[in-house]
Amino acid sequence: MALHFGIYPGGLLGDDKGIVHPVRPDVPDRITEALDALQGDAATLRVRAYQSFAPTVTPLEPPTPTDPATYAQRGRKLDLVLQFREPSGELEGWPGFVREAVRAGGPRLASVQICEEPNADLPVVDGSTPNVLNALVEGVVAAKQEALALGHSLAVGFNAVPTFDPDDTFWSELGALADDRFRQSLDYVGLDFFPDVFRPIATEQLAEAVTAVLTMFRRTDLPKAGITGSVAIRICENGWPTGPGRSEQQQATVLETVVRTVAALSDDLNIDGYSFFALRDADSTAEGLFHRFGLLRDDYTPKPAFETYRRLIGELGGPPVCPR
């Protein structure tokens, strides 16, 4: 099947300790220019954006990118992530927050993801927030109910990271909590994964490793939660940073291998989309692992992987706006 492609266009990101701010501010015109180039003749490109719910927290994690609707041009739509970051775990106001986000996004939204990596216990993602499973279930239901009430065709889902611990209970706990409302509201489950980033993988073994992770996700993890094969999988975040010992050309090679492997598995595993993280480096001079995930350097000049992704979108995405 044709894949729906996307990208996160902001410069701000999270690492294993907190928020990483870009050394250069986002420049909306340069971002738009890059998105136009990546999209090419494709009918659409999904623009990934993040917004947090944490009413008792000051200062609140900023939405990123700022004003994402700016980039919903030329048929592009938003892939909006609503993060549950309220440290008390209190759900009061959460369903209303979700519903308001659906109303505000309106027809610019292609999808709404409820929670960010709720099975990862790290400080910058939702798995570290108390009561996140209840927030996940109630948020999915609220988003779908609001979309149906408004008559919007909106994909509603959540995401997760790969689980390699056989004693992990996230999926079984979700299955015990999920009810018919949740199952009927769920359109997709996303996977954030970064092969050869945190655990080295030989180039010749990369396609096999990607296949193994995606197959385990579909055949092992999702069934534990009672999520059937009719619910699509999509890759919500995938990338490979450049830096010391990590060449820009290798980034392009890894990207091509991963995307082609995902595309080859799309029919068998019901994978409907792929989104790259991220458009631009936070800091192209920093040596930290998290600072150079971009297809562009922090000054918006392209790395080789930018052209690779543009070409893959044209080849493996949906039909073009007009015949070539």
C-alpha atoms as a PDB file:
ATOM      1  CA  MET A   1       0.000   0.000   0.000  1.00  0.00           C
ATOM      2  CA  ALA A   2       1.073   3.619  -0.470  1.00  0.00           C
ATOM      3  CA  LEU A   3       2.453   5.172   2.709  1.00  0.00           C
ATOM      4  CA  HIS A   4       1.409   8.519   4.163  1.00  0.00           C
ATOM      5  CA  PHE A   5       4.642  10.389   4.855  1.00  0.00           C
ATOM      6  CA  GLY A   6       5.321  13.076   7.432  1.00  0.00           C
ATOM      7  CA  ILE A   7       7.966  14.955   9.379  1.00  0.00           C
ATOM      8  CA  TYR A   8       8.445  16.937  12.578  1.00  0.00           C
ATOM      9  CA  PRO A   9       9.559  20.420  11.441  1.00  0.00           C
ATOM     10  CA  GLY A  10      10.462  22.063  14.758  1.00  0.00           C
ATOM     11  CA  GLY A  11      13.919  22.605  16.216  1.00  0.00           C
ATOM     12  CA  LEU A  12      13.008  21.918  19.861  1.00  0.00           C
ATOM     13  CA  LEU A  13      13.205  18.324  21.090  1.00  0.00           C
ATOM     14  CA  GLY A  14      13.578  16.225  24.201  1.00  0.00           C
ATOM     15  CA  ASP A  15      16.547  14.111  25.214  1.00  0.00           C
ATOM     16  CA  ASP A  16      16.980  11.669  28.095  1.00  0.00           C
ATOM     17  CA  LYS A  17      17.290  14.540  30.596  1.00  0.00           C
ATOM     18  CA  GLY A  18      14.956  17.308  29.444  1.00  0.00           C
ATOM     19  CA  ILE A  19      14.242  19.791  26.674  1.00  0.00           C
ATOM     20  CA  VAL A  20      16.864  20.680  24.061  1.00  0.00           C
ATOM     21  CA  HIS A  21      16.366  24.139  22.574  1.00  0.00           C
ATOM     22  CA  PRO A  22      17.658  24.847  19.065  1.00  0.00           C
ATOM     23  CA  VAL A  23      20.748  27.020  18.834  1.00  0.00           C
ATOM     24  CA  ARG A  24      19.011  28.968  16.038  1.00  0.00           C
ATOM     25  CA  PRO A  25      15.312  29.895  16.185  1.00  0.00           C
ATOM     26  CA  ASP A  26      12.809  28.337  13.809  1.00  0.00           C
ATOM     27  CA  VAL A  27      12.309  30.392  10.651  1.00  0.00           C
ATOM     28  CA  PRO A  28       8.801  29.653   9.319  1.00  0.00           C
ATOM     29  CA  ASP A  29       9.580  30.682   5.736  1.00  0.00           C
ATOM     30  CA  ARG A  30      12.597  28.363   5.593  1.00  0.00           C
ATOM     31  CA  ILE A  31      10.574  25.533   7.115  1.00  0.00           C
ATOM     32  CA  THR A  32       7.800  26.041   4.572  1.00  0.00           C
ATOM     33  CA  GLU A  33      10.340  26.069   1.739  1.00  0.00           C
ATOM     34  CA  ALA A  34      11.804  22.773   2.979  1.00  0.00           C
ATOM     35  CA  LEU A  35       8.375  21.163   3.400  1.00  0.00           C
ATOM     36  CA  ASP A  36       7.416  22.220  -0.129  1.00  0.00           C
ATOM     37  CA  ALA A  37      10.575  20.640  -1.486  1.00  0.00           C
ATOM     38  CA  LEU A  38      10.074  17.383   0.423  1.00  0.00           C
ATOM     39  CA  GLN A  39       6.427  17.133  -0.609  1.00  0.00           C
ATOM     40  CA  GLY A  40       7.163  17.667  -4.288  1.00  0.00           C
ATOM     41  CA  ASP A  41       4.162  16.553  -6.349  1.00  0.00           C
ATOM     42  CA  ALA A  42       2.636  14.472  -3.538  1.00  0.00           C
ATOM     43  CA  ALA A  43      -0.926  15.374  -2.597  1.00  0.00           C
ATOM     44  CA  THR A  44      -0.086  15.767   1.080  1.00  0.00           C
ATOM     45  CA  LEU A  45       2.587  15.589   3.758  1.00  0.00           C
ATOM     46  CA  ARG A  46       1.819  15.242   7.444  1.00  0.00           C
ATOM     47  CA  VAL A  47       3.297  17.874   9.734  1.00  0.00           C
ATOM     48  CA  ARG A  48       3.931  16.529  13.228  1.00  0.00           C
ATOM     49  CA  ALA A  49       3.296  18.877  16.173  1.00  0.00           C
ATOM     50  CA  TYR A  50       3.245  18.523  19.975  1.00  0.00           C
ATOM     51  CA  GLN A  51       1.082  20.169  22.631  1.00  0.00           C
ATOM     52  CA  SER A  52       1.095  19.406  26.372  1.00  0.00           C
ATOM     53  CA  PHE A  53      -1.642  19.197  29.002  1.00  0.00           C
ATOM     54  CA  ALA A  54      -0.273  20.113  32.441  1.00  0.00           C
ATOM     55  CA  PRO A  55      -2.549  22.691  34.106  1.00  0.00           C
ATOM     56  CA  THR A  56      -0.597  22.793  37.400  1.00  0.00           C
ATOM     57  CA  VAL A  57       2.846  23.166  35.801  1.00  0.00           C
ATOM     58  CA  THR A  58       4.577  26.530  35.357  1.00  0.00           C
ATOM     59  CA  PRO A  59       6.266  27.082  32.992  1.00  0.00           C
ATOM     60  CA  LEU A  60       4.513  24.641  30.701  1.00  0.00           C
ATOM     61  CA  GLU A  61       6.454  22.784  28.032  1.00  0.00           C
ATOM     62  CA  PRO A  62       5.982  24.976  24.931  1.00  0.00           C
ATOM     63  CA  PRO A  63       3.995  23.720  21.935  1.00  0.00           C
ATOM     64  CA  THR A  64       6.304  22.805  19.081  1.00  0.00           C
ATOM     65  CA  PRO A  65       6.551  23.919  16.383  1.00  0.00           C
ATOM     66  CA  THR A  66       5.019  27.297  17.200  1.00  0.00           C
ATOM     67  CA  ASP A  67       1.755  27.814  15.275  1.00  0.00           C
ATOM     68  CA  PRO A  68       1.864  24.548  13.307  1.00  0.00           C
ATOM     69  CA  ALA A  69      -1.191  25.593  11.251  1.00  0.00           C
ATOM     70  CA  THR A  70       1.251  27.874   9.397  1.00  0.00           C
ATOM     71  CA  TYR A  71       2.559  24.778   7.612  1.00  0.00           C
ATOM     72  CA  ALA A  72      -0.830  23.305   6.659  1.00  0.00           C
ATOM     73  CA  GLN A  73      -0.521  24.454   3.058  1.00  0.00           C
ATOM     74  CA  ARG A  74      -0.605  22.714  -0.350  1.00  0.00           C
ATOM     75  CA  GLY A  75      -2.737  19.893   1.029  1.00  0.00           C
ATOM     76  CA  ARG A  76      -0.497  19.296   4.049  1.00  0.00           C
ATOM     77  CA  LYS A  77      -2.290  18.364   7.259  1.00  0.00           C
ATOM     78  CA  LEU A  78      -1.293  18.169  10.901  1.00  0.00           C
ATOM     79  CA  ASP A  79      -0.387  15.065  12.880  1.00  0.00           C
ATOM     80  CA  LEU A  80      -1.086  16.481  16.336  1.00  0.00           C
ATOM     81  CA  VAL A  81       0.332  14.876  19.490  1.00  0.00           C
ATOM     82  CA  LEU A  82      -1.465  15.692  22.749  1.00  0.00           C
ATOM     83  CA  GLN A  83       0.842  14.923  25.655  1.00  0.00           C
ATOM     84  CA  PHE A  84      -0.486  14.120  29.150  1.00  0.00           C
ATOM     85  CA  ARG A  85       2.073  15.838  31.385  1.00  0.00           C
ATOM     86  CA  GLU A  86       0.026  16.655  34.502  1.00  0.00           C
ATOM     87  CA  PRO A  87       2.323  15.461  37.348  1.00  0.00           C
ATOM     88  CA  SER A  88      -0.573  14.720  39.718  1.00  0.00           C
ATOM     89  CA  GLY A  89      -2.130  12.328  37.195  1.00  0.00           C
ATOM     90  CA  GLU A  90      -5.451  14.128  37.702  1.00  0.00           C
ATOM     91  CA  LEU A  91      -7.733  13.737  34.671  1.00  0.00           C
ATOM     92  CA  GLU A  92      -9.947  16.734  35.408  1.00  0.00           C
ATOM     93  CA  GLY A  93      -9.895  18.948  32.341  1.00  0.00           C
ATOM     94  CA  TRP A  94      -8.072  16.395  30.168  1.00  0.00           C
ATOM     95  CA  PRO A  95     -11.038  15.232  28.021  1.00  0.00           C
ATOM     96  CA  GLY A  96     -12.027  18.867  27.513  1.00  0.00           C
ATOM     97  CA  PHE A  97      -8.474  19.730  26.473  1.00  0.00           C
ATOM     98  CA  VAL A  98      -8.546  16.927  23.907  1.00  0.00           C
ATOM     99  CA  ARG A  99     -11.936  17.968  22.551  1.00  0.00           C
ATOM    100  CA  GLU A 100     -10.861  21.601  22.243  1.00  0.00           C
ATOM    101  CA  ALA A 101      -7.729  20.593  20.334  1.00  0.00           C
ATOM    102  CA  VAL A 102      -9.872  18.643  17.861  1.00  0.00           C
ATOM    103  CA  ARG A 103     -12.221  21.606  17.442  1.00  0.00           C
ATOM    104  CA  ALA A 104      -9.372  24.095  17.030  1.00  0.00           C
ATOM    105  CA  GLY A 105      -7.545  21.938  14.513  1.00  0.00           C
ATOM    106  CA  GLY A 106     -10.671  21.270  12.506  1.00  0.00           C
ATOM    107  CA  PRO A 107     -10.147  20.088   8.924  1.00  0.00           C
ATOM    108  CA  ARG A 108      -6.421  20.901   9.141  1.00  0.00           C
ATOM    109  CA  LEU A 109      -5.967  17.761  11.245  1.00  0.00           C
ATOM    110  CA  ALA A 110      -5.143  14.436   9.621  1.00  0.00           C
ATOM    111  CA  SER A 111      -4.675  12.650  12.934  1.00  0.00           C
ATOM    112  CA  VAL A 112      -4.547  13.100  16.686  1.00  0.00           C
ATOM    113  CA  GLN A 113      -2.172  11.024  18.777  1.00  0.00           C
ATOM    114  CA  ILE A 114      -3.147  10.714  22.433  1.00  0.00           C
ATOM    115  CA  CYS A 115      -0.113  10.685  24.751  1.00  0.00           C
ATOM    116  CA  GLU A 116       3.538  10.485  23.770  1.00  0.00           C
ATOM    117  CA  GLU A 117       5.301   7.185  24.442  1.00  0.00           C
ATOM    118  CA  PRO A 118       3.136   6.168  27.404  1.00  0.00           C
ATOM    119  CA  ASN A 119       5.151   2.971  27.881  1.00  0.00           C
ATOM    120  CA  ALA A 120       8.515   4.780  28.260  1.00  0.00           C
ATOM    121  CA  ASP A 121       9.404   5.909  31.786  1.00  0.00           C
ATOM    122  CA  LEU A 122      11.527   8.905  30.824  1.00  0.00           C
ATOM    123  CA  PRO A 123      11.175  12.478  32.136  1.00  0.00           C
ATOM    124  CA  VAL A 124      10.191  14.105  28.828  1.00  0.00           C
ATOM    125  CA  VAL A 125       7.540  11.592  27.734  1.00  0.00           C
ATOM    126  CA  ASP A 126       4.234  10.502  29.186  1.00  0.00           C
ATOM    127  CA  GLY A 127       5.228   7.104  30.519  1.00  0.00           C
ATOM    128  CA  SER A 128       6.645   8.939  33.542  1.00  0.00           C
ATOM    129  CA  THR A 129       3.263  10.585  34.306  1.00  0.00           C
ATOM    130  CA  PRO A 130       0.961   8.929  36.874  1.00  0.00           C
ATOM    131  CA  ASN A 131      -2.384   7.602  35.600  1.00  0.00           C
ATOM    132  CA  VAL A 132      -1.206   7.733  31.990  1.00  0.00           C
ATOM    133  CA  LEU A 133      -3.129   4.589  30.960  1.00  0.00           C
ATOM    134  CA  ASN A 134      -6.446   6.077  32.043  1.00  0.00           C
ATOM    135  CA  ALA A 135      -5.512   9.312  30.276  1.00  0.00           C
ATOM    136  CA  LEU A 136      -4.741   7.317  27.140  1.00  0.00           C
ATOM    137  CA  VAL A 137      -8.062   5.491  27.087  1.00  0.00           C
ATOM    138  CA  GLU A 138     -10.180   8.534  27.945  1.00  0.00           C
ATOM    139  CA  GLY A 139      -8.295  10.749  25.510  1.00  0.00           C
ATOM    140  CA  VAL A 140      -8.756   8.396  22.552  1.00  0.00           C
ATOM    141  CA  VAL A 141     -12.493   8.182  23.252  1.00  0.00           C
ATOM    142  CA  ALA A 142     -12.860  11.959  23.663  1.00  0.00           C
ATOM    143  CA  ALA A 143     -10.977  12.722  20.435  1.00  0.00           C
ATOM    144  CA  LYS A 144     -13.019  10.310  18.351  1.00  0.00           C
ATOM    145  CA  GLN A 145     -16.336  11.445  19.839  1.00  0.00           C
ATOM    146  CA  GLU A 146     -15.516  15.092  19.103  1.00  0.00           C
ATOM    147  CA  ALA A 147     -14.376  14.331  15.555  1.00  0.00           C
ATOM    148  CA  LEU A 148     -17.583  12.395  14.841  1.00  0.00           C
ATOM    149  CA  ALA A 149     -19.707  15.186  16.329  1.00  0.00           C
ATOM    150  CA  LEU A 150     -17.994  17.690  14.028  1.00  0.00           C
ATOM    151  CA  GLY A 151     -18.168  15.443  10.987  1.00  0.00           C
ATOM    152  CA  HIS A 152     -14.380  15.407  10.567  1.00  0.00           C
ATOM    153  CA  SER A 153     -12.551  12.431   9.105  1.00  0.00           C
ATOM    154  CA  LEU A 154      -9.833  12.158  11.729  1.00  0.00           C
ATOM    155  CA  ALA A 155      -7.540   9.244  12.562  1.00  0.00           C
ATOM    156  CA  VAL A 156      -7.225   8.820  16.333  1.00  0.00           C
ATOM    157  CA  GLY A 157      -4.526   6.740  17.961  1.00  0.00           C
ATOM    158  CA  PHE A 158      -1.592   6.534  20.362  1.00  0.00           C
ATOM    159  CA  ASN A 159       2.030   5.500  20.127  1.00  0.00           C
ATOM    160  CA  ALA A 160       4.606   3.431  21.982  1.00  0.00           C
ATOM    161  CA  VAL A 161       8.241   2.394  21.894  1.00  0.00           C
ATOM    162  CA  PRO A 162       9.483  -1.169  21.327  1.00  0.00           C
ATOM    163  CA  THR A 163       9.321  -3.436  24.366  1.00  0.00           C
ATOM    164  CA  PHE A 164      12.248  -5.813  24.798  1.00  0.00           C
ATOM    165  CA  ASP A 165      11.571  -6.738  28.439  1.00  0.00           C
ATOM    166  CA  PRO A 166       9.470  -9.926  28.607  1.00  0.00           C
ATOM    167  CA  ASP A 167       8.212  -8.864  32.045  1.00  0.00           C
ATOM    168  CA  ASP A 168       6.862  -5.514  30.822  1.00  0.00           C
ATOM    169  CA  THR A 169       3.147  -5.251  31.644  1.00  0.00           C
ATOM    170  CA  PHE A 170       2.124  -2.152  29.651  1.00  0.00           C
ATOM    171  CA  TRP A 171       0.226  -3.975  26.916  1.00  0.00           C
ATOM    172  CA  SER A 172      -1.586  -6.398  29.197  1.00  0.00           C
ATOM    173  CA  GLU A 173      -2.540  -3.553  31.558  1.00  0.00           C
ATOM    174  CA  LEU A 174      -3.897  -1.571  28.627  1.00  0.00           C
ATOM    175  CA  GLY A 175      -5.863  -4.594  27.489  1.00  0.00           C
ATOM    176  CA  ALA A 176      -7.428  -4.957  30.940  1.00  0.00           C
ATOM    177  CA  LEU A 177      -8.386  -1.284  31.039  1.00  0.00           C
ATOM    178  CA  ALA A 178      -9.593  -0.848  27.453  1.00  0.00           C
ATOM    179  CA  ASP A 179     -13.325  -1.054  26.839  1.00  0.00           C
ATOM    180  CA  ASP A 180     -15.540  -1.165  23.757  1.00  0.00           C
ATOM    181  CA  ARG A 181     -15.545   2.644  23.523  1.00  0.00           C
ATOM    182  CA  PHE A 182     -11.770   2.662  23.279  1.00  0.00           C
ATOM    183  CA  ARG A 183     -11.521  -0.174  20.781  1.00  0.00           C
ATOM    184  CA  GLN A 184     -14.173   1.347  18.515  1.00  0.00           C
ATOM    185  CA  SER A 185     -12.422   4.748  18.653  1.00  0.00           C
ATOM    186  CA  LEU A 186      -8.900   3.514  17.882  1.00  0.00           C
ATOM    187  CA  ASP A 187      -7.726   3.904  14.276  1.00  0.00           C
ATOM    188  CA  TYR A 188      -3.987   3.331  14.608  1.00  0.00           C
ATOM    189  CA  VAL A 189      -1.119   2.588  16.966  1.00  0.00           C
ATOM    190  CA  GLY A 190       2.154   4.361  16.322  1.00  0.00           C
ATOM    191  CA  LEU A 191       5.665   3.117  16.918  1.00  0.00           C
ATOM    192  CA  ASP A 192       8.626   5.341  17.770  1.00  0.00           C
ATOM    193  CA  PHE A 193      11.844   3.487  17.084  1.00  0.00           C
ATOM    194  CA  PHE A 194      15.427   4.447  16.293  1.00  0.00           C
ATOM    195  CA  PRO A 195      17.389   1.424  15.061  1.00  0.00           C
ATOM    196  CA  ASP A 196      21.185   1.804  15.145  1.00  0.00           C
ATOM    197  CA  VAL A 197      20.959   4.873  17.389  1.00  0.00           C
ATOM    198  CA  PHE A 198      20.887   3.606  20.971  1.00  0.00           C
ATOM    199  CA  ARG A 199      21.900   0.026  20.147  1.00  0.00           C
ATOM    200  CA  PRO A 200      24.426  -0.338  17.287  1.00  0.00           C
ATOM    201  CA  ILE A 201      23.316  -2.489  14.351  1.00  0.00           C
ATOM    202  CA  ALA A 202      25.536  -3.473  11.441  1.00  0.00           C
ATOM    203  CA  THR A 203      24.426  -1.960   8.139  1.00  0.00           C
ATOM    204  CA  GLU A 204      23.874  -5.353   6.554  1.00  0.00           C
ATOM    205  CA  GLN A 205      21.620  -6.395   9.464  1.00  0.00           C
ATOM    206  CA  LEU A 206      19.500  -3.240   9.615  1.00  0.00           C
ATOM    207  CA  ALA A 207      16.626  -4.403   7.397  1.00  0.00           C
ATOM    208  CA  GLU A 208      16.370  -7.661   9.345  1.00  0.00           C
ATOM    209  CA  ALA A 209      16.321  -5.791  12.662  1.00  0.00           C
ATOM    210  CA  VAL A 210      13.593  -3.393  11.460  1.00  0.00           C
ATOM    211  CA  THR A 211      11.531  -6.350  10.248  1.00  0.00           C
ATOM    212  CA  ALA A 212      11.904  -8.108  13.596  1.00  0.00           C
ATOM    213  CA  VAL A 213      10.834  -5.056  15.624  1.00  0.00           C
ATOM    214  CA  LEU A 214       7.786  -4.320  13.470  1.00  0.00           C
ATOM    215  CA  THR A 215       6.717  -7.958  13.371  1.00  0.00           C
ATOM    216  CA  MET A 216       7.005  -8.289  17.154  1.00  0.00           C
ATOM    217  CA  PHE A 217       4.992  -5.101  17.591  1.00  0.00           C
ATOM    218  CA  ARG A 218       2.172  -6.420  15.401  1.00  0.00           C
ATOM    219  CA  ARG A 219       2.214 -10.108  16.350  1.00  0.00           C
ATOM    220  CA  THR A 220       3.222  -9.980  20.034  1.00  0.00           C
ATOM    221  CA  ASP A 221       2.671  -6.580  21.668  1.00  0.00           C
ATOM    222  CA  LEU A 222      -0.614  -5.369  20.196  1.00  0.00           C
ATOM    223  CA  PRO A 223      -2.503  -8.669  20.702  1.00  0.00           C
ATOM    224  CA  LYS A 224      -1.759  -8.443  24.444  1.00  0.00           C
ATOM    225  CA  ALA A 225      -3.938  -5.330  24.495  1.00  0.00           C
ATOM    226  CA  GLY A 226      -6.629  -6.915  22.325  1.00  0.00           C
ATOM    227  CA  ILE A 227      -5.688  -4.675  19.371  1.00  0.00           C
ATOM    228  CA  THR A 228      -6.447  -6.517  16.146  1.00  0.00           C
ATOM    229  CA  GLY A 229      -4.768  -6.468  12.763  1.00  0.00           C
ATOM    230  CA  SER A 230      -7.471  -4.188  11.390  1.00  0.00           C
ATOM    231  CA  VAL A 231      -5.997  -1.303  13.431  1.00  0.00           C
ATOM    232  CA  ALA A 232      -3.182   0.237  11.395  1.00  0.00           C
ATOM    233  CA  ILE A 233       0.404   0.649  12.544  1.00  0.00           C
ATOM    234  CA  ARG A 234       2.286   3.784  11.636  1.00  0.00           C
ATOM    235  CA  ILE A 235       5.863   4.857  12.268  1.00  0.00           C
ATOM    236  CA  CYS A 236       5.477   8.118  14.182  1.00  0.00           C
ATOM    237  CA  GLU A 237       9.123   8.886  14.942  1.00  0.00           C
ATOM    238  CA  ASN A 238      12.175   7.412  13.289  1.00  0.00           C
ATOM    239  CA  GLY A 239      15.541   8.977  12.621  1.00  0.00           C
ATOM    240  CA  TRP A 240      19.304   8.654  12.731  1.00  0.00           C
ATOM    241  CA  PRO A 241      21.548  11.465  14.029  1.00  0.00           C
ATOM    242  CA  THR A 242      24.770  12.622  12.444  1.00  0.00           C
ATOM    243  CA  GLY A 243      27.801  13.697  14.438  1.00  0.00           C
ATOM    244  CA  PRO A 244      31.182  12.336  15.505  1.00  0.00           C
ATOM    245  CA  GLY A 245      31.566   8.867  14.000  1.00  0.00           C
ATOM    246  CA  ARG A 246      28.115   9.172  12.348  1.00  0.00           C
ATOM    247  CA  SER A 247      28.444  10.478   8.800  1.00  0.00           C
ATOM    248  CA  GLU A 248      25.810  12.395   6.876  1.00  0.00           C
ATOM    249  CA  GLN A 249      26.022   9.881   4.046  1.00  0.00           C
ATOM    250  CA  GLN A 250      25.319   7.031   6.468  1.00  0.00           C
ATOM    251  CA  GLN A 251      22.216   8.882   7.653  1.00  0.00           C
ATOM    252  CA  ALA A 252      20.918   8.805   4.079  1.00  0.00           C
ATOM    253  CA  THR A 253      21.725   5.092   3.775  1.00  0.00           C
ATOM    254  CA  VAL A 254      19.967   4.211   7.027  1.00  0.00           C
ATOM    255  CA  LEU A 255      16.909   6.282   6.075  1.00  0.00           C
ATOM    256  CA  GLU A 256      16.592   4.543   2.723  1.00  0.00           C
ATOM    257  CA  THR A 257      16.950   1.083   4.254  1.00  0.00           C
ATOM    258  CA  VAL A 258      14.388   1.726   6.992  1.00  0.00           C
ATOM    259  CA  VAL A 259      11.770   3.333   4.728  1.00  0.00           C
ATOM    260  CA  ARG A 260      12.043   0.650   2.052  1.00  0.00           C
ATOM    261  CA  THR A 261      11.763  -2.069   4.690  1.00  0.00           C
ATOM    262  CA  VAL A 262       8.670  -0.419   6.171  1.00  0.00           C
ATOM    263  CA  ALA A 263       7.125  -0.109   2.705  1.00  0.00           C
ATOM    264  CA  ALA A 264       7.834  -3.773   1.930  1.00  0.00           C
ATOM    265  CA  LEU A 265       6.056  -4.816   5.148  1.00  0.00           C
ATOM    266  CA  SER A 266       3.119  -2.421   4.798  1.00  0.00           C
ATOM    267  CA  ASP A 267       0.634  -4.877   3.306  1.00  0.00           C
ATOM    268  CA  ASP A 268       1.460  -7.808   5.575  1.00  0.00           C
ATOM    269  CA  LEU A 269       1.546  -5.795   8.822  1.00  0.00           C
ATOM    270  CA  ASN A 270      -1.019  -3.095   7.879  1.00  0.00           C
ATOM    271  CA  ILE A 271       1.398  -0.163   8.135  1.00  0.00           C
ATOM    272  CA  ASP A 272      -0.138   3.033   6.780  1.00  0.00           C
ATOM    273  CA  GLY A 273       2.443   5.754   7.417  1.00  0.00           C
ATOM    274  CA  TYR A 274       5.981   6.855   8.203  1.00  0.00           C
ATOM    275  CA  SER A 275       7.154  10.115   9.770  1.00  0.00           C
ATOM    276  CA  PHE A 276      10.773  11.225  10.050  1.00  0.00           C
ATOM    277  CA  PHE A 277      12.250  12.916  13.120  1.00  0.00           C
ATOM    278  CA  ALA A 278      13.316  15.630  12.428  1.00  0.00           C
ATOM    279  CA  LEU A 279      13.539  18.281   9.716  1.00  0.00           C
ATOM    280  CA  ARG A 280      16.421  20.278  11.250  1.00  0.00           C
ATOM    281  CA  ASP A 281      19.260  19.855  13.734  1.00  0.00           C
ATOM    282  CA  ALA A 282      18.967  21.530  17.109  1.00  0.00           C
ATOM    283  CA  ASP A 283      22.703  22.288  17.033  1.00  0.00           C
ATOM    284  CA  SER A 284      24.944  21.086  14.217  1.00  0.00           C
ATOM    285  CA  THR A 285      28.134  21.797  16.196  1.00  0.00           C
ATOM    286  CA  ALA A 286      27.157  19.898  19.353  1.00  0.00           C
ATOM    287  CA  GLU A 287      28.532  16.427  19.954  1.00  0.00           C
ATOM    288  CA  GLY A 288      25.488  15.155  21.869  1.00  0.00           C
ATOM    289  CA  LEU A 289      23.535  12.298  20.345  1.00  0.00           C
ATOM    290  CA  PHE A 290      20.244  14.190  20.317  1.00  0.00           C
ATOM    291  CA  HIS A 291      21.334  17.417  18.639  1.00  0.00           C
ATOM    292  CA  ARG A 292      21.736  16.307  14.995  1.00  0.00           C
ATOM    293  CA  PHE A 293      18.683  14.281  13.975  1.00  0.00           C
ATOM    294  CA  GLY A 294      17.796  16.715  11.179  1.00  0.00           C
ATOM    295  CA  LEU A 295      17.668  16.251   7.436  1.00  0.00           C
ATOM    296  CA  LEU A 296      18.881  19.860   7.450  1.00  0.00           C
ATOM    297  CA  ARG A 297      21.698  21.386   9.436  1.00  0.00           C
ATOM    298  CA  ASP A 298      20.719  24.057  11.971  1.00  0.00           C
ATOM    299  CA  ASP A 299      21.266  26.755   9.299  1.00  0.00           C
ATOM    300  CA  TYR A 300      18.746  25.007   6.984  1.00  0.00           C
ATOM    301  CA  THR A 301      21.349  23.717   4.531  1.00  0.00           C
ATOM    302  CA  PRO A 302      20.507  20.158   3.441  1.00  0.00           C
ATOM    303  CA  LYS A 303      22.310  16.964   4.315  1.00  0.00           C
ATOM    304  CA  PRO A 304      22.263  14.143   1.726  1.00  0.00           C
ATOM    305  CA  ALA A 305      19.339  12.479   3.539  1.00  0.00           C
ATOM    306  CA  PHE A 306      17.068  15.408   2.633  1.00  0.00           C
ATOM    307  CA  GLU A 307      17.188  14.462  -1.038  1.00  0.00           C
ATOM    308  CA  THR A 308      16.834  10.772  -0.111  1.00  0.00           C
ATOM    309  CA  TYR A 309      13.627  11.427   1.796  1.00  0.00           C
ATOM    310  CA  ARG A 310      12.257  13.699  -0.948  1.00  0.00           C
ATOM    311  CA  ARG A 311      12.846  10.931  -3.487  1.00  0.00           C
ATOM    312  CA  LEU A 312      11.275   8.235  -1.296  1.00  0.00           C
ATOM    313  CA  ILE A 313       8.155  10.351  -0.698  1.00  0.00           C
ATOM    314  CA  GLY A 314       7.742  10.767  -4.454  1.00  0.00           C
ATOM    315  CA  GLU A 315       8.249   7.077  -5.131  1.00  0.00           C
ATOM    316  CA  LEU A 316       6.409   5.378  -2.243  1.00  0.00           C
ATOM    317  CA  GLY A 317       3.781   7.935  -1.226  1.00  0.00           C
ATOM    318  CA  GLY A 318       0.294   8.430  -2.567  1.00  0.00           C
ATOM    319  CA  PRO A 319      -0.599   9.689  -6.041  1.00  0.00           C
ATOM    320  CA  PRO A 320       0.639  13.154  -7.041  1.00  0.00           C
ATOM    321  CA  VAL A 321      -1.595  16.205  -7.148  1.00  0.00           C
ATOM    322  CA  CYS A 322      -1.330  16.221 -10.942  1.00  0.00           C
ATOM    323  CA  PRO A 323       0.002  13.616 -13.360  1.00  0.00           C
ATOM    324  CA  ARG A 324       3.730  13.995 -13.878  1.00  0.00           C
END
